[in-house]
């Protein structure tokens, strides 16, 4: 598993000037691009690569699934944090989900409440129409 990283910076400098990154899952790898310039900041080849690599970015980590295995990478450096082979589940297509972003949680809650409200209105309308 190879990882290519940007030149090391002091921790004070990296906190103040850390680039905003965009993550791409492609051909068994995860690539971090600088959002401003589009240049590659780091690239990590996953243990078992496949052409489709779904990603979730959550709490400073990038979770990637490739060929039936899940890898967790440090979002800033691309270094492997942990890896799970998901033994016994095969190598078929898989998806990841998860977010602790409060705006995402709020949006999902609002959509769920709206859907529940619409379902309740439909049930009330149907019951009223039947009488």
Protein backbone atom coordinates (compact mmCIF):
# COMPACT_ATOMS: atom_id res chain seq x y z
CA UNK A 1 0.00 0.00 0.00
CA UNK A 2 1.81 3.12 -1.21
CA UNK A 3 1.07 6.61 -0.03
CA UNK A 4 2.37 9.79 -1.58
CA UNK A 5 2.15 12.87 0.59
CA UNK A 6 2.80 16.56 0.26
CA UNK A 7 5.98 17.89 1.88
CA UNK A 8 5.78 17.86 5.67
CA UNK A 9 4.74 21.10 7.36
CA UNK A 10 5.01 22.17 10.96
CA UNK A 11 1.82 21.49 12.91
CA UNK A 12 1.21 25.23 13.45
CA UNK A 13 1.61 25.92 9.74
CA UNK A 14 -0.57 23.00 8.68
CA UNK A 15 -3.39 24.12 10.99
CA UNK A 16 -3.44 27.62 9.58
CA UNK A 17 -2.70 26.85 5.94
CA UNK A 18 -4.07 23.32 5.46
CA UNK A 19 -5.68 23.09 2.04
CA UNK A 20 -9.37 22.36 1.68
CA UNK A 21 -9.39 18.91 0.11
CA UNK A 22 -11.62 17.09 -2.35
CA UNK A 23 -11.45 13.29 -2.23
CA UNK A 24 -11.70 11.02 -5.28
CA UNK A 25 -12.12 7.23 -5.19
CA UNK A 26 -10.75 5.82 -8.44
CA UNK A 27 -9.12 2.60 -9.70
CA UNK A 28 -8.41 1.12 -6.27
CA UNK A 29 -7.04 4.37 -4.86
CA UNK A 30 -8.11 7.40 -2.89
CA UNK A 31 -6.71 10.70 -4.15
CA UNK A 32 -6.91 14.00 -2.27
CA UNK A 33 -6.98 17.12 -4.43
CA UNK A 34 -6.45 20.70 -3.34
CA UNK A 35 -9.84 22.38 -3.99
CA UNK A 36 -8.20 25.64 -5.07
CA UNK A 37 -5.55 24.40 -7.49
CA UNK A 38 -6.72 20.86 -8.30
CA UNK A 39 -3.24 19.52 -7.56
CA UNK A 40 -2.77 16.13 -5.90
CA UNK A 41 -1.98 16.50 -2.19
CA UNK A 42 -1.78 12.77 -1.47
CA UNK A 43 -2.70 9.45 -3.07
CA UNK A 44 -3.14 6.08 -1.35
CA UNK A 45 -3.46 2.74 -3.11
CA UNK A 46 -5.93 0.46 -1.28
CA UNK A 47 -5.11 -3.15 -0.33
CA UNK A 48 -7.52 -4.67 -2.87
CA UNK A 49 -8.35 -2.24 -5.59
CA UNK A 50 -11.40 -2.14 -7.82
CA UNK A 51 -12.52 0.38 -10.41
CA UNK A 52 -15.34 1.77 -8.24
CA UNK A 53 -14.31 3.17 -4.83
CA UNK A 54 -17.21 4.72 -2.85
CA UNK A 55 -16.08 7.15 -0.15
CA UNK A 56 -17.43 8.77 3.00
CA UNK A 57 -15.57 11.62 4.69
CA UNK A 58 -16.35 11.71 8.40
CA UNK A 59 -14.64 13.30 11.40
CA UNK A 60 -11.20 13.74 9.82
CA UNK A 61 -11.19 10.33 8.17
CA UNK A 62 -11.88 9.01 4.69
CA UNK A 63 -13.66 5.65 4.63
CA UNK A 64 -13.29 3.79 1.35
CA UNK A 65 -14.67 0.47 0.18
CA UNK A 66 -12.93 -1.41 -2.60
CA UNK A 67 -13.34 -5.01 -3.72
CA UNK A 68 -15.34 -5.89 -0.60
CA UNK A 69 -12.91 -4.41 1.93
CA UNK A 70 -13.15 -1.21 3.98
CA UNK A 71 -10.18 1.06 4.63
CA UNK A 72 -10.07 4.07 6.94
CA UNK A 73 -7.54 6.77 6.01
CA UNK A 74 -6.47 9.94 7.77
CA UNK A 75 -8.15 12.69 5.69
CA UNK A 76 -5.18 15.05 6.03
CA UNK A 77 -2.35 12.64 5.20
CA UNK A 78 -3.87 9.59 3.48
CA UNK A 79 -2.17 7.25 5.95
CA UNK A 80 -4.02 4.01 6.77
CA UNK A 81 -5.78 4.15 10.16
CA UNK A 82 -7.45 0.71 9.95
CA UNK A 83 -8.55 -1.92 7.43
CA UNK A 84 -11.31 -4.55 7.58
CA UNK A 85 -11.46 -7.37 5.04
CA UNK A 86 -15.16 -8.07 5.83
CA UNK A 87 -14.42 -11.80 5.65
CA UNK A 88 -17.37 -13.90 4.58
CA UNK A 89 -19.20 -11.11 2.72
CA UNK A 90 -17.62 -11.54 -0.72
CA UNK A 91 -16.27 -8.95 -3.09
CA UNK A 92 -19.43 -7.62 -4.75
CA UNK A 93 -20.52 -4.03 -4.98
CA UNK A 94 -20.90 -2.31 -1.59
CA UNK A 95 -21.76 1.17 -0.36
CA UNK A 96 -20.80 3.23 2.68
CA UNK A 97 -22.98 5.64 4.64
CA UNK A 98 -22.43 7.89 7.59
CA UNK A 99 -22.20 11.50 8.56
CA UNK A 100 -21.89 13.39 11.80
CA UNK A 101 -22.21 16.74 10.03
CA UNK A 102 -25.03 18.53 11.91
CA UNK A 103 -26.37 20.11 8.72
CA UNK A 104 -26.68 16.68 7.07
CA UNK A 105 -28.35 15.22 10.18
CA UNK A 106 -30.76 18.20 10.29
CA UNK A 107 -31.58 17.88 6.58
CA UNK A 108 -32.29 14.15 6.92
CA UNK A 109 -34.45 14.78 10.00
CA UNK A 110 -36.39 17.52 8.18
CA UNK A 111 -36.92 15.31 5.12
CA UNK A 112 -38.05 12.41 7.33
CA UNK A 113 -40.47 14.67 9.23
CA UNK A 114 -41.84 16.10 5.97
CA UNK A 115 -42.33 12.61 4.54
CA UNK A 116 -44.06 11.46 7.75
CA UNK A 117 -46.26 14.56 7.68
CA UNK A 118 -47.17 13.96 4.03
CA UNK A 119 -47.99 10.32 4.81
CA UNK A 120 -50.18 11.38 7.74
CA UNK A 121 -52.00 13.93 5.58
CA UNK A 122 -52.55 11.31 2.87
CA UNK A 123 -53.93 8.85 5.45
CA UNK A 124 -56.24 11.48 6.93
CA UNK A 125 -57.40 12.50 3.45
CA UNK A 126 -58.04 8.87 2.50
CA UNK A 127 -59.96 8.24 5.73
CA UNK A 128 -62.02 11.41 5.28
CA UNK A 129 -62.81 10.54 1.65
CA UNK A 130 -64.01 7.08 2.64
CA UNK A 131 -66.61 8.47 5.05
